[in-house]
């Protein structure tokens, strides 16, 4: 950790937390045991990011496509989410962490949605790190919804066609007001984006590790950050231009 350069830390880290099922299968456990262990990884990563001064941490918790999983697994995952929110709410408040949620929350079961809304309200005044949870989320769906909202505002005369730009478009996304991720971490060795933050990761550095999410801990996060700090982020510029800046 002492090798990290504080001035070169990412403002926003996004994580695709993959490998819970495989972790459980390797140990002859049921899949839910993998999800339960994955929560411990989430706790440690949140704590580490807060201590490092990371501004935003986005965790891909549940995708829109995950609703196609067996009903018994979905129900267990929702119960696990409720348990996590109940257990961690006081910790979030105490550590000045604001909870934010992106995704289609109206699809969530009513009891889960109410608990999420309560956590959002109780942490809304926190000014420290933002813990951004992607819940019932799909990158493509997010973009389609943004287009629909823009079309509605165009029809109602709230904006004109000439005003539509990248900056305006971003205001209609779930992540409006948040910086784009500087670093995207994917566990379990899979080289896929999985419909996650498709607009926002245009210039994001991607780090893939073979470590399964339930085994991902502070040391693994630090390794990802050290790798990130070796990268030269050009944003379309040349090496010489970056060097001169």
C-alpha atoms as a PDB file:
ATOM      1  CA  UNK A   1       0.000   0.000   0.000  1.00  0.00           C
ATOM      2  CA  UNK A   2       2.910   2.356   0.704  1.00  0.00           C
ATOM      3  CA  UNK A   3       3.932   2.032  -2.968  1.00  0.00           C
ATOM      4  CA  UNK A   4       0.758   3.747  -4.137  1.00  0.00           C
ATOM      5  CA  UNK A   5       1.064   7.312  -5.402  1.00  0.00           C
ATOM      6  CA  UNK A   6      -1.751   9.231  -3.726  1.00  0.00           C
ATOM      7  CA  UNK A   7      -1.983  11.825  -6.507  1.00  0.00           C
ATOM      8  CA  UNK A   8      -2.439   9.116  -9.150  1.00  0.00           C
ATOM      9  CA  UNK A   9      -5.287   7.201  -7.579  1.00  0.00           C
ATOM     10  CA  UNK A  10      -8.459   6.838  -9.668  1.00  0.00           C
ATOM     11  CA  UNK A  11     -11.389   9.040  -8.728  1.00  0.00           C
ATOM     12  CA  UNK A  12     -13.867   6.328  -9.681  1.00  0.00           C
ATOM     13  CA  UNK A  13     -13.401   2.553  -9.522  1.00  0.00           C
ATOM     14  CA  UNK A  14     -15.998   0.199 -11.005  1.00  0.00           C
ATOM     15  CA  UNK A  15     -15.976  -3.537 -10.311  1.00  0.00           C
ATOM     16  CA  UNK A  16     -17.659  -6.462 -12.060  1.00  0.00           C
ATOM     17  CA  UNK A  17     -17.806  -8.890  -9.149  1.00  0.00           C
ATOM     18  CA  UNK A  18     -17.659 -12.209 -10.973  1.00  0.00           C
ATOM     19  CA  UNK A  19     -16.962 -15.770  -9.869  1.00  0.00           C
ATOM     20  CA  UNK A  20     -19.194 -16.387  -6.848  1.00  0.00           C
ATOM     21  CA  UNK A  21     -20.766 -19.496  -8.384  1.00  0.00           C
ATOM     22  CA  UNK A  22     -17.459 -20.964  -9.519  1.00  0.00           C
ATOM     23  CA  UNK A  23     -15.926 -20.295  -6.105  1.00  0.00           C
ATOM     24  CA  UNK A  24     -18.734 -22.272  -4.475  1.00  0.00           C
ATOM     25  CA  UNK A  25     -18.610 -25.096  -7.026  1.00  0.00           C
ATOM     26  CA  UNK A  26     -14.858 -25.581  -6.520  1.00  0.00           C
ATOM     27  CA  UNK A  27     -15.556 -26.166  -2.831  1.00  0.00           C
ATOM     28  CA  UNK A  28     -18.702 -28.276  -3.320  1.00  0.00           C
ATOM     29  CA  UNK A  29     -20.851 -25.570  -1.719  1.00  0.00           C
ATOM     30  CA  UNK A  30     -24.194 -24.309  -2.987  1.00  0.00           C
ATOM     31  CA  UNK A  31     -24.130 -21.095  -5.039  1.00  0.00           C
ATOM     32  CA  UNK A  32     -25.478 -18.936  -2.212  1.00  0.00           C
ATOM     33  CA  UNK A  33     -22.403 -19.679  -0.123  1.00  0.00           C
ATOM     34  CA  UNK A  34     -20.378 -18.020  -2.881  1.00  0.00           C
ATOM     35  CA  UNK A  35     -22.614 -14.946  -2.810  1.00  0.00           C
ATOM     36  CA  UNK A  36     -22.326 -14.774   0.972  1.00  0.00           C
ATOM     37  CA  UNK A  37     -18.538 -14.881   0.814  1.00  0.00           C
ATOM     38  CA  UNK A  38     -18.669 -12.267  -1.934  1.00  0.00           C
ATOM     39  CA  UNK A  39     -20.257  -9.847   0.535  1.00  0.00           C
ATOM     40  CA  UNK A  40     -17.158 -10.091   2.712  1.00  0.00           C
ATOM     41  CA  UNK A  41     -15.063  -9.066  -0.287  1.00  0.00           C
ATOM     42  CA  UNK A  42     -17.387  -6.119  -0.906  1.00  0.00           C
ATOM     43  CA  UNK A  43     -17.066  -5.004   2.728  1.00  0.00           C
ATOM     44  CA  UNK A  44     -13.271  -5.072   2.585  1.00  0.00           C
ATOM     45  CA  UNK A  45     -13.082  -3.285  -0.770  1.00  0.00           C
ATOM     46  CA  UNK A  46     -15.472  -0.543   0.380  1.00  0.00           C
ATOM     47  CA  UNK A  47     -13.409  -0.006   3.533  1.00  0.00           C
ATOM     48  CA  UNK A  48     -10.134   0.084   1.612  1.00  0.00           C
ATOM     49  CA  UNK A  49     -11.459   2.548  -0.973  1.00  0.00           C
ATOM     50  CA  UNK A  50     -12.776   4.813   1.758  1.00  0.00           C
ATOM     51  CA  UNK A  51      -9.421   4.789   3.534  1.00  0.00           C
ATOM     52  CA  UNK A  52      -7.621   5.601   0.276  1.00  0.00           C
ATOM     53  CA  UNK A  53      -9.895   8.534  -0.463  1.00  0.00           C
ATOM     54  CA  UNK A  54     -11.511   7.088  -3.591  1.00  0.00           C
ATOM     55  CA  UNK A  55     -14.421   9.367  -4.539  1.00  0.00           C
ATOM     56  CA  UNK A  56     -16.735   6.810  -6.163  1.00  0.00           C
ATOM     57  CA  UNK A  57     -16.890   3.010  -6.003  1.00  0.00           C
ATOM     58  CA  UNK A  58     -19.384   1.289  -8.302  1.00  0.00           C
ATOM     59  CA  UNK A  59     -20.231  -2.367  -7.676  1.00  0.00           C
ATOM     60  CA  UNK A  60     -22.120  -4.426 -10.258  1.00  0.00           C
ATOM     61  CA  UNK A  61     -24.441  -6.222  -7.857  1.00  0.00           C
ATOM     62  CA  UNK A  62     -27.344  -7.489  -9.983  1.00  0.00           C
ATOM     63  CA  UNK A  63     -27.901  -7.108 -13.715  1.00  0.00           C
ATOM     64  CA  UNK A  64     -31.192  -6.789 -15.542  1.00  0.00           C
ATOM     65  CA  UNK A  65     -30.367 -10.125 -17.179  1.00  0.00           C
ATOM     66  CA  UNK A  66     -30.004 -11.766 -13.748  1.00  0.00           C
ATOM     67  CA  UNK A  67     -33.800 -11.740 -13.408  1.00  0.00           C
ATOM     68  CA  UNK A  68     -33.718 -14.747 -15.760  1.00  0.00           C
ATOM     69  CA  UNK A  69     -32.026 -16.885 -13.097  1.00  0.00           C
ATOM     70  CA  UNK A  70     -34.003 -19.546 -11.170  1.00  0.00           C
ATOM     71  CA  UNK A  71     -36.631 -17.881  -8.908  1.00  0.00           C
ATOM     72  CA  UNK A  72     -35.218 -19.566  -5.812  1.00  0.00           C
ATOM     73  CA  UNK A  73     -31.792 -18.028  -6.438  1.00  0.00           C
ATOM     74  CA  UNK A  74     -33.267 -14.589  -7.136  1.00  0.00           C
ATOM     75  CA  UNK A  75     -35.241 -14.721  -3.897  1.00  0.00           C
ATOM     76  CA  UNK A  76     -32.136 -15.729  -1.953  1.00  0.00           C
ATOM     77  CA  UNK A  77     -30.119 -12.920  -3.563  1.00  0.00           C
ATOM     78  CA  UNK A  78     -32.774 -10.346  -2.648  1.00  0.00           C
ATOM     79  CA  UNK A  79     -32.763 -11.584   0.943  1.00  0.00           C
ATOM     80  CA  UNK A  80     -28.989 -11.331   0.973  1.00  0.00           C
ATOM     81  CA  UNK A  81     -29.202  -7.759  -0.323  1.00  0.00           C
ATOM     82  CA  UNK A  82     -31.666  -6.833   2.424  1.00  0.00           C
ATOM     83  CA  UNK A  83     -29.410  -8.411   5.027  1.00  0.00           C
ATOM     84  CA  UNK A  84     -26.414  -6.453   3.722  1.00  0.00           C
ATOM     85  CA  UNK A  85     -28.261  -3.122   3.717  1.00  0.00           C
ATOM     86  CA  UNK A  86     -29.555  -3.696   7.234  1.00  0.00           C
ATOM     87  CA  UNK A  87     -26.133  -4.705   8.556  1.00  0.00           C
ATOM     88  CA  UNK A  88     -24.127  -1.995   6.775  1.00  0.00           C
ATOM     89  CA  UNK A  89     -26.398   1.052   6.999  1.00  0.00           C
ATOM     90  CA  UNK A  90     -25.011   2.283  10.323  1.00  0.00           C
ATOM     91  CA  UNK A  91     -21.477   1.699   9.013  1.00  0.00           C
ATOM     92  CA  UNK A  92     -22.193   3.792   5.921  1.00  0.00           C
ATOM     93  CA  UNK A  93     -23.585   6.624   8.019  1.00  0.00           C
ATOM     94  CA  UNK A  94     -20.714   6.480  10.523  1.00  0.00           C
ATOM     95  CA  UNK A  95     -18.106   6.570   7.750  1.00  0.00           C
ATOM     96  CA  UNK A  96     -19.793   9.389   5.811  1.00  0.00           C
ATOM     97  CA  UNK A  97     -20.464   7.165   2.769  1.00  0.00           C
ATOM     98  CA  UNK A  98     -23.387   8.078   0.522  1.00  0.00           C
ATOM     99  CA  UNK A  99     -25.263   5.223  -1.081  1.00  0.00           C
ATOM    100  CA  UNK A 100     -26.371   5.659  -4.677  1.00  0.00           C
ATOM    101  CA  UNK A 101     -28.225   3.141  -6.854  1.00  0.00           C
ATOM    102  CA  UNK A 102     -28.338   2.912 -10.653  1.00  0.00           C
ATOM    103  CA  UNK A 103     -30.738   0.642 -12.499  1.00  0.00           C
ATOM    104  CA  UNK A 104     -34.461  -0.088 -12.797  1.00  0.00           C
ATOM    105  CA  UNK A 105     -35.486  -0.119  -9.139  1.00  0.00           C
ATOM    106  CA  UNK A 106     -39.180  -0.394  -9.942  1.00  0.00           C
ATOM    107  CA  UNK A 107     -38.587  -4.068 -10.882  1.00  0.00           C
ATOM    108  CA  UNK A 108     -37.334  -4.873  -7.375  1.00  0.00           C
ATOM    109  CA  UNK A 109     -39.664  -6.591  -4.888  1.00  0.00           C
ATOM    110  CA  UNK A 110     -41.495  -3.965  -2.841  1.00  0.00           C
ATOM    111  CA  UNK A 111     -39.819  -4.838   0.465  1.00  0.00           C
ATOM    112  CA  UNK A 112     -36.362  -4.654  -1.131  1.00  0.00           C
ATOM    113  CA  UNK A 113     -37.171  -1.381  -2.888  1.00  0.00           C
ATOM    114  CA  UNK A 114     -38.384   0.172   0.366  1.00  0.00           C
ATOM    115  CA  UNK A 115     -35.217  -0.854   2.169  1.00  0.00           C
ATOM    116  CA  UNK A 116     -33.054   0.550  -0.644  1.00  0.00           C
ATOM    117  CA  UNK A 117     -34.975   3.851  -0.624  1.00  0.00           C
ATOM    118  CA  UNK A 118     -34.583   4.077   3.154  1.00  0.00           C
ATOM    119  CA  UNK A 119     -30.816   3.581   2.878  1.00  0.00           C
ATOM    120  CA  UNK A 120     -30.626   6.200   0.126  1.00  0.00           C
ATOM    121  CA  UNK A 121     -32.523   8.697   2.244  1.00  0.00           C
ATOM    122  CA  UNK A 122     -30.549   8.082   5.436  1.00  0.00           C
ATOM    123  CA  UNK A 123     -27.172   8.465   3.688  1.00  0.00           C
ATOM    124  CA  UNK A 124     -28.171  11.306   1.354  1.00  0.00           C
ATOM    125  CA  UNK A 125     -26.429  13.936   3.481  1.00  0.00           C
ATOM    126  CA  UNK A 126     -23.097  12.127   3.610  1.00  0.00           C
ATOM    127  CA  UNK A 127     -20.276  13.971   1.852  1.00  0.00           C
ATOM    128  CA  UNK A 128     -17.570  11.293   1.750  1.00  0.00           C
ATOM    129  CA  UNK A 129     -17.191   8.444  -0.712  1.00  0.00           C
ATOM    130  CA  UNK A 130     -20.116   7.485  -2.928  1.00  0.00           C
ATOM    131  CA  UNK A 131     -20.927   3.770  -2.922  1.00  0.00           C
ATOM    132  CA  UNK A 132     -22.715   3.349  -6.230  1.00  0.00           C
ATOM    133  CA  UNK A 133     -24.659   0.089  -6.518  1.00  0.00           C
ATOM    134  CA  UNK A 134     -25.656  -1.171  -9.982  1.00  0.00           C
ATOM    135  CA  UNK A 135     -28.883  -3.000  -9.159  1.00  0.00           C
ATOM    136  CA  UNK A 136     -31.264  -4.404 -11.784  1.00  0.00           C
ATOM    137  CA  UNK A 137     -28.923  -2.642 -14.194  1.00  0.00           C
ATOM    138  CA  UNK A 138     -28.254  -2.914 -17.926  1.00  0.00           C
ATOM    139  CA  UNK A 139     -25.992  -0.598 -19.899  1.00  0.00           C
ATOM    140  CA  UNK A 140     -28.074  -0.907 -23.060  1.00  0.00           C
ATOM    141  CA  UNK A 141     -31.292  -0.312 -21.144  1.00  0.00           C
ATOM    142  CA  UNK A 142     -29.759   2.775 -19.533  1.00  0.00           C
ATOM    143  CA  UNK A 143     -28.943   4.227 -22.961  1.00  0.00           C
ATOM    144  CA  UNK A 144     -32.397   3.391 -24.355  1.00  0.00           C
ATOM    145  CA  UNK A 145     -34.069   5.063 -21.377  1.00  0.00           C
ATOM    146  CA  UNK A 146     -31.882   8.141 -21.854  1.00  0.00           C
ATOM    147  CA  UNK A 147     -32.912   8.339 -25.524  1.00  0.00           C
ATOM    148  CA  UNK A 148     -36.582   8.063 -24.552  1.00  0.00           C
ATOM    149  CA  UNK A 149     -36.263  10.867 -22.008  1.00  0.00           C
ATOM    150  CA  UNK A 150     -34.443  13.086 -24.503  1.00  0.00           C
ATOM    151  CA  UNK A 151     -37.145  12.376 -27.095  1.00  0.00           C
ATOM    152  CA  UNK A 152     -39.815  13.310 -24.551  1.00  0.00           C
ATOM    153  CA  UNK A 153     -38.074  16.590 -23.693  1.00  0.00           C
ATOM    154  CA  UNK A 154     -37.598  17.378 -27.390  1.00  0.00           C
ATOM    155  CA  UNK A 155     -41.296  16.806 -28.009  1.00  0.00           C
ATOM    156  CA  UNK A 156     -42.243  19.039 -25.080  1.00  0.00           C
ATOM    157  CA  UNK A 157     -39.849  21.757 -26.207  1.00  0.00           C
ATOM    158  CA  UNK A 158     -37.644  21.599 -23.099  1.00  0.00           C
ATOM    159  CA  UNK A 159     -34.553  21.215 -25.291  1.00  0.00           C
ATOM    160  CA  UNK A 160     -33.835  21.639 -28.992  1.00  0.00           C
ATOM    161  CA  UNK A 161     -32.178  19.157 -31.330  1.00  0.00           C
ATOM    162  CA  UNK A 162     -29.158  21.443 -31.664  1.00  0.00           C
ATOM    163  CA  UNK A 163     -28.653  21.324 -27.893  1.00  0.00           C
ATOM    164  CA  UNK A 164     -28.260  17.539 -27.819  1.00  0.00           C
ATOM    165  CA  UNK A 165     -24.561  16.799 -27.235  1.00  0.00           C
ATOM    166  CA  UNK A 166     -22.478  14.263 -25.335  1.00  0.00           C
ATOM    167  CA  UNK A 167     -22.627  16.459 -22.229  1.00  0.00           C
ATOM    168  CA  UNK A 168     -26.397  16.782 -22.471  1.00  0.00           C
ATOM    169  CA  UNK A 169     -26.807  13.041 -23.117  1.00  0.00           C
ATOM    170  CA  UNK A 170     -24.827  12.193 -19.975  1.00  0.00           C
ATOM    171  CA  UNK A 171     -27.322  14.180 -17.901  1.00  0.00           C
ATOM    172  CA  UNK A 172     -29.998  11.644 -18.843  1.00  0.00           C
ATOM    173  CA  UNK A 173     -27.992   8.603 -17.739  1.00  0.00           C
ATOM    174  CA  UNK A 174     -28.367   6.901 -14.357  1.00  0.00           C
ATOM    175  CA  UNK A 175     -24.840   8.108 -13.540  1.00  0.00           C
ATOM    176  CA  UNK A 176     -25.596  11.801 -14.116  1.00  0.00           C
ATOM    177  CA  UNK A 177     -23.350  13.891 -11.879  1.00  0.00           C
ATOM    178  CA  UNK A 178     -20.788  11.139 -11.332  1.00  0.00           C
ATOM    179  CA  UNK A 179     -17.345  11.067 -12.969  1.00  0.00           C
ATOM    180  CA  UNK A 180     -16.745   8.277 -15.485  1.00  0.00           C
ATOM    181  CA  UNK A 181     -14.792   5.312 -14.089  1.00  0.00           C
ATOM    182  CA  UNK A 182     -11.023   5.640 -14.314  1.00  0.00           C
ATOM    183  CA  UNK A 183     -10.534   1.954 -13.551  1.00  0.00           C
ATOM    184  CA  UNK A 184     -12.743  -1.059 -14.252  1.00  0.00           C
ATOM    185  CA  UNK A 185     -11.831  -4.261 -12.413  1.00  0.00           C
ATOM    186  CA  UNK A 186     -13.243  -7.624 -13.478  1.00  0.00           C
ATOM    187  CA  UNK A 187     -12.615 -10.709 -11.379  1.00  0.00           C
ATOM    188  CA  UNK A 188     -12.633 -14.404 -12.418  1.00  0.00           C
ATOM    189  CA  UNK A 189     -10.550 -13.930 -15.577  1.00  0.00           C
ATOM    190  CA  UNK A 190     -13.423 -13.272 -17.960  1.00  0.00           C
ATOM    191  CA  UNK A 191     -12.725 -10.728 -20.700  1.00  0.00           C
ATOM    192  CA  UNK A 192     -16.234  -9.342 -21.055  1.00  0.00           C
ATOM    193  CA  UNK A 193     -17.944  -6.059 -20.247  1.00  0.00           C
ATOM    194  CA  UNK A 194     -21.259  -7.818 -19.545  1.00  0.00           C
ATOM    195  CA  UNK A 195     -23.476  -4.860 -20.476  1.00  0.00           C
ATOM    196  CA  UNK A 196     -21.942  -2.681 -17.758  1.00  0.00           C
ATOM    197  CA  UNK A 197     -21.540   1.114 -18.027  1.00  0.00           C
ATOM    198  CA  UNK A 198     -21.280   0.940 -21.811  1.00  0.00           C
ATOM    199  CA  UNK A 199     -21.280   4.713 -22.313  1.00  0.00           C
ATOM    200  CA  UNK A 200     -19.192   5.581 -19.266  1.00  0.00           C
ATOM    201  CA  UNK A 201     -16.166   3.316 -19.871  1.00  0.00           C
ATOM    202  CA  UNK A 202     -15.114   4.800 -23.224  1.00  0.00           C
ATOM    203  CA  UNK A 203     -11.700   5.767 -21.789  1.00  0.00           C
ATOM    204  CA  UNK A 204     -11.615   3.571 -18.703  1.00  0.00           C
ATOM    205  CA  UNK A 205      -8.538   1.463 -17.925  1.00  0.00           C
ATOM    206  CA  UNK A 206      -9.528  -2.203 -17.646  1.00  0.00           C
ATOM    207  CA  UNK A 207      -7.896  -4.627 -15.229  1.00  0.00           C
ATOM    208  CA  UNK A 208      -8.791  -8.341 -15.350  1.00  0.00           C
ATOM    209  CA  UNK A 209      -7.703 -10.779 -12.648  1.00  0.00           C
ATOM    210  CA  UNK A 210      -8.158 -14.552 -12.426  1.00  0.00           C
ATOM    211  CA  UNK A 211      -9.034 -14.195  -8.739  1.00  0.00           C
ATOM    212  CA  UNK A 212     -12.648 -15.159  -8.052  1.00  0.00           C
ATOM    213  CA  UNK A 213     -14.637 -12.440  -6.330  1.00  0.00           C
ATOM    214  CA  UNK A 214     -15.025 -14.204  -2.936  1.00  0.00           C
ATOM    215  CA  UNK A 215     -11.211 -14.387  -2.769  1.00  0.00           C
ATOM    216  CA  UNK A 216     -10.713 -10.758  -3.807  1.00  0.00           C
ATOM    217  CA  UNK A 217      -9.443  -8.736  -0.883  1.00  0.00           C
ATOM    218  CA  UNK A 218      -7.464  -5.604  -0.036  1.00  0.00           C
ATOM    219  CA  UNK A 219      -4.162  -6.904  -1.427  1.00  0.00           C
ATOM    220  CA  UNK A 220      -5.822  -7.717  -4.758  1.00  0.00           C
ATOM    221  CA  UNK A 221      -7.289  -4.225  -4.942  1.00  0.00           C
ATOM    222  CA  UNK A 222      -3.911  -2.664  -4.203  1.00  0.00           C
ATOM    223  CA  UNK A 223      -2.368  -4.764  -6.980  1.00  0.00           C
ATOM    224  CA  UNK A 224      -4.986  -3.458  -9.415  1.00  0.00           C
ATOM    225  CA  UNK A 225      -4.253   0.115  -8.346  1.00  0.00           C
ATOM    226  CA  UNK A 226      -0.501  -0.360  -8.753  1.00  0.00           C
ATOM    227  CA  UNK A 227      -1.107  -1.681 -12.262  1.00  0.00           C
ATOM    228  CA  UNK A 228      -3.370   1.311 -12.990  1.00  0.00           C
ATOM    229  CA  UNK A 229      -0.653   3.737 -11.924  1.00  0.00           C
ATOM    230  CA  UNK A 230       1.717   2.274 -14.505  1.00  0.00           C
ATOM    231  CA  UNK A 231      -0.685   3.097 -17.338  1.00  0.00           C
ATOM    232  CA  UNK A 232      -0.383   6.156 -19.552  1.00  0.00           C
ATOM    233  CA  UNK A 233      -3.861   7.553 -20.082  1.00  0.00           C
ATOM    234  CA  UNK A 234      -3.886   9.396 -23.406  1.00  0.00           C
ATOM    235  CA  UNK A 235      -7.570  10.112 -24.132  1.00  0.00           C
ATOM    236  CA  UNK A 236      -6.789  10.167 -27.857  1.00  0.00           C
ATOM    237  CA  UNK A 237      -3.605  12.225 -27.531  1.00  0.00           C
ATOM    238  CA  UNK A 238      -0.067  11.127 -28.428  1.00  0.00           C
ATOM    239  CA  UNK A 239       2.608  10.185 -25.912  1.00  0.00           C
ATOM    240  CA  UNK A 240       4.454  13.408 -26.708  1.00  0.00           C
ATOM    241  CA  UNK A 241       1.376  15.537 -26.065  1.00  0.00           C
ATOM    242  CA  UNK A 242       0.738  13.856 -22.727  1.00  0.00           C
ATOM    243  CA  UNK A 243       4.385  14.303 -21.759  1.00  0.00           C
ATOM    244  CA  UNK A 244       4.346  18.009 -22.586  1.00  0.00           C
ATOM    245  CA  UNK A 245       1.211  18.511 -20.489  1.00  0.00           C
END
